[in-house]
Every structure is written in structure tokens, then in C-alpha cells.
Amino acid sequence: MSDRDFKADTSALEAETTHDGPMAAVLTKVLSAIGSNNFAELPSHFTEDIELHIHGFPGMDGAWRGRPRVLQALEQNFGKVEAQKTSTESMICHGVRSPC
């Protein structure tokens, strides 16, 4: 079973007051679902035209568009990670980038 720890990131996002609350809440739910291998929870958070871009991670790099392809890519890429720790460096909300 994978050992993923998104707790630090999700706590920071939940406490964040400068970002749009609903957007941060969705991101928190998505990170939690990925971290717990609960990929079945993800479709309710994605629109049909969602895009995913992963760069700088050999073996995962790519770009996907559309809910089915993004869901498949997330499960294939993050499902094979045995141990993962994340660090949110910044968040872009309404076109404005700010630190988390």
C-alpha cells in the first residue's frame, strides 16, 4: 500500500484565507483522494474538459485532456508511487499566483 502524506498540504489549504474557499476545498478533496488511492472519488470534482499537465517527473510526464483520459492518467501515474510527500509551493487563483 502506498504511503502518501498530503496532511500538511491539505491543512494549509483548509486554513488559507487569501484564496477562494471553494476552489481550495476542491483541491483539498482531490489531493486527499489521490493520496488515499481513492480514484473513484475524483470524477465528481472534474469537468468534462479537464486538463492535466505533468512535467519534470520522468515516467509521468505528459498532457491529458478530458475526464476519462485524466482519470486514467492519474490512476496510472500516482497509483504506481510507493511513497510520496508533497509540498505546495504556490496556488494560482483567478490568475493571481500567491504562496501557500
C-alpha atoms as a PDB file:
ATOM      1  CA  MET A   1       0.000   0.000   0.000  1.00  0.00           C
ATOM      2  CA  SER A   2       1.251   3.466  -0.812  1.00  0.00           C
ATOM      3  CA  ASP A   3       2.418   5.803   1.910  1.00  0.00           C
ATOM      4  CA  ARG A   4       1.271   9.271   0.893  1.00  0.00           C
ATOM      5  CA  ASP A   5       1.079  12.213   3.225  1.00  0.00           C
ATOM      6  CA  PHE A   6      -0.983  15.123   1.976  1.00  0.00           C
ATOM      7  CA  LYS A   7      -1.948  16.215   5.514  1.00  0.00           C
ATOM      8  CA  ALA A   8       0.408  19.194   5.663  1.00  0.00           C
ATOM      9  CA  ASP A   9      -0.808  20.495   2.311  1.00  0.00           C
ATOM     10  CA  THR A  10      -4.479  19.910   2.968  1.00  0.00           C
ATOM     11  CA  SER A  11      -4.264  21.573   6.392  1.00  0.00           C
ATOM     12  CA  ALA A  12      -2.577  24.603   4.844  1.00  0.00           C
ATOM     13  CA  LEU A  13      -5.213  24.837   2.129  1.00  0.00           C
ATOM     14  CA  GLU A  14      -8.087  24.490   4.598  1.00  0.00           C
ATOM     15  CA  ALA A  15      -6.639  27.297   6.716  1.00  0.00           C
ATOM     16  CA  GLU A  16      -5.835  29.539   3.738  1.00  0.00           C
ATOM     17  CA  THR A  17      -7.930  32.705   3.790  1.00  0.00           C
ATOM     18  CA  THR A  18      -6.483  34.585   0.803  1.00  0.00           C
ATOM     19  CA  HIS A  19      -7.662  32.030  -1.765  1.00  0.00           C
ATOM     20  CA  ASP A  20     -11.152  31.314  -2.965  1.00  0.00           C
ATOM     21  CA  GLY A  21     -12.519  28.939  -0.328  1.00  0.00           C
ATOM     22  CA  PRO A  22     -14.477  26.604  -2.628  1.00  0.00           C
ATOM     23  CA  MET A  23     -11.520  26.206  -5.007  1.00  0.00           C
ATOM     24  CA  ALA A  24      -9.150  25.365  -2.163  1.00  0.00           C
ATOM     25  CA  ALA A  25     -11.713  22.931  -0.757  1.00  0.00           C
ATOM     26  CA  VAL A  26     -11.931  21.069  -4.067  1.00  0.00           C
ATOM     27  CA  LEU A  27      -8.148  20.910  -4.334  1.00  0.00           C
ATOM     28  CA  THR A  28      -8.009  19.534  -0.788  1.00  0.00           C
ATOM     29  CA  LYS A  29     -10.509  16.801  -1.674  1.00  0.00           C
ATOM     30  CA  VAL A  30      -8.640  15.906  -4.859  1.00  0.00           C
ATOM     31  CA  LEU A  31      -5.276  15.669  -3.053  1.00  0.00           C
ATOM     32  CA  SER A  32      -6.829  13.542  -0.300  1.00  0.00           C
ATOM     33  CA  ALA A  33      -8.445  11.183  -2.818  1.00  0.00           C
ATOM     34  CA  ILE A  34      -5.195  10.715  -4.752  1.00  0.00           C
ATOM     35  CA  GLY A  35      -3.219  10.260  -1.526  1.00  0.00           C
ATOM     36  CA  SER A  36      -5.532   7.506  -0.337  1.00  0.00           C
ATOM     37  CA  ASN A  37      -5.818   5.762  -3.740  1.00  0.00           C
ATOM     38  CA  ASN A  38      -9.496   6.705  -3.812  1.00  0.00           C
ATOM     39  CA  PHE A  39      -9.546   7.480  -7.525  1.00  0.00           C
ATOM     40  CA  ALA A  40     -13.286   6.710  -7.737  1.00  0.00           C
ATOM     41  CA  GLU A  41     -13.973   9.947  -5.821  1.00  0.00           C
ATOM     42  CA  LEU A  42     -12.262  12.142  -8.417  1.00  0.00           C
ATOM     43  CA  PRO A  43     -14.833  12.295 -11.261  1.00  0.00           C
ATOM     44  CA  SER A  44     -17.249  14.389  -9.194  1.00  0.00           C
ATOM     45  CA  HIS A  45     -14.607  17.118  -8.926  1.00  0.00           C
ATOM     46  CA  PHE A  46     -13.696  17.308 -12.623  1.00  0.00           C
ATOM     47  CA  THR A  47     -15.419  18.890 -15.601  1.00  0.00           C
ATOM     48  CA  GLU A  48     -15.601  17.063 -18.922  1.00  0.00           C
ATOM     49  CA  ASP A  49     -12.863  19.287 -20.394  1.00  0.00           C
ATOM     50  CA  ILE A  50     -10.344  18.968 -17.536  1.00  0.00           C
ATOM     51  CA  GLU A  51      -6.665  19.080 -18.467  1.00  0.00           C
ATOM     52  CA  LEU A  52      -3.715  17.570 -16.622  1.00  0.00           C
ATOM     53  CA  HIS A  53      -0.103  18.505 -17.348  1.00  0.00           C
ATOM     54  CA  ILE A  54       2.774  16.765 -15.563  1.00  0.00           C
ATOM     55  CA  HIS A  55       6.303  17.995 -16.271  1.00  0.00           C
ATOM     56  CA  GLY A  56       9.654  17.184 -14.735  1.00  0.00           C
ATOM     57  CA  PHE A  57       8.876  13.683 -13.500  1.00  0.00           C
ATOM     58  CA  PRO A  58      10.350  11.029 -15.815  1.00  0.00           C
ATOM     59  CA  GLY A  59       7.888   8.220 -16.353  1.00  0.00           C
ATOM     60  CA  MET A  60       4.932  10.501 -15.595  1.00  0.00           C
ATOM     61  CA  ASP A  61       5.472  13.421 -17.978  1.00  0.00           C
ATOM     62  CA  GLY A  62       2.583  14.097 -20.279  1.00  0.00           C
ATOM     63  CA  ALA A  63      -0.552  16.048 -21.011  1.00  0.00           C
ATOM     64  CA  TRP A  64      -4.095  14.687 -20.976  1.00  0.00           C
ATOM     65  CA  ARG A  65      -7.444  16.254 -21.774  1.00  0.00           C
ATOM     66  CA  GLY A  66     -10.942  15.074 -20.971  1.00  0.00           C
ATOM     67  CA  ARG A  67     -12.272  13.443 -17.812  1.00  0.00           C
ATOM     68  CA  PRO A  68     -11.727   9.777 -18.853  1.00  0.00           C
ATOM     69  CA  ARG A  69      -8.137  10.328 -20.015  1.00  0.00           C
ATOM     70  CA  VAL A  70      -7.200  12.454 -16.975  1.00  0.00           C
ATOM     71  CA  LEU A  71      -8.674   9.899 -14.566  1.00  0.00           C
ATOM     72  CA  GLN A  72      -6.785   7.094 -16.288  1.00  0.00           C
ATOM     73  CA  ALA A  73      -3.528   9.083 -16.212  1.00  0.00           C
ATOM     74  CA  LEU A  74      -3.923   9.936 -12.511  1.00  0.00           C
ATOM     75  CA  GLU A  75      -4.524   6.328 -11.553  1.00  0.00           C
ATOM     76  CA  GLN A  76      -1.694   5.015 -13.733  1.00  0.00           C
ATOM     77  CA  ASN A  77       0.827   7.632 -12.635  1.00  0.00           C
ATOM     78  CA  PHE A  78       0.067   8.094  -8.954  1.00  0.00           C
ATOM     79  CA  GLY A  79      -1.073   4.517  -8.414  1.00  0.00           C
ATOM     80  CA  LYS A  80       2.480   3.317  -9.007  1.00  0.00           C
ATOM     81  CA  VAL A  81       4.061   5.676  -6.451  1.00  0.00           C
ATOM     82  CA  GLU A  82       5.003   3.725  -3.342  1.00  0.00           C
ATOM     83  CA  ALA A  83       5.832   6.651  -1.056  1.00  0.00           C
ATOM     84  CA  GLN A  84       5.013  10.254  -1.744  1.00  0.00           C
ATOM     85  CA  LYS A  85       5.368  13.518   0.149  1.00  0.00           C
ATOM     86  CA  THR A  86       4.037  16.725  -1.345  1.00  0.00           C
ATOM     87  CA  SER A  87       4.860  20.355  -0.921  1.00  0.00           C
ATOM     88  CA  THR A  88       2.570  23.072  -2.223  1.00  0.00           C
ATOM     89  CA  GLU A  89       4.751  25.955  -3.348  1.00  0.00           C
ATOM     90  CA  SER A  90       2.033  28.260  -4.620  1.00  0.00           C
ATOM     91  CA  MET A  91      -1.527  28.341  -5.814  1.00  0.00           C
ATOM     92  CA  ILE A  92      -2.935  30.219  -8.787  1.00  0.00           C
ATOM     93  CA  CYS A  93      -6.420  31.528  -8.176  1.00  0.00           C
ATOM     94  CA  HIS A  94      -8.233  33.906 -10.517  1.00  0.00           C
ATOM     95  CA  GLY A  95      -4.991  34.399 -12.446  1.00  0.00           C
ATOM     96  CA  VAL A  96      -3.039  35.532  -9.370  1.00  0.00           C
ATOM     97  CA  ARG A  97      -0.175  33.443  -8.025  1.00  0.00           C
ATOM     98  CA  SER A  98       0.459  33.534  -4.315  1.00  0.00           C
ATOM     99  CA  PRO A  99       2.407  31.385  -1.843  1.00  0.00           C
ATOM    100  CA  CYS A 100       0.571  28.819   0.215  1.00  0.00           C
END
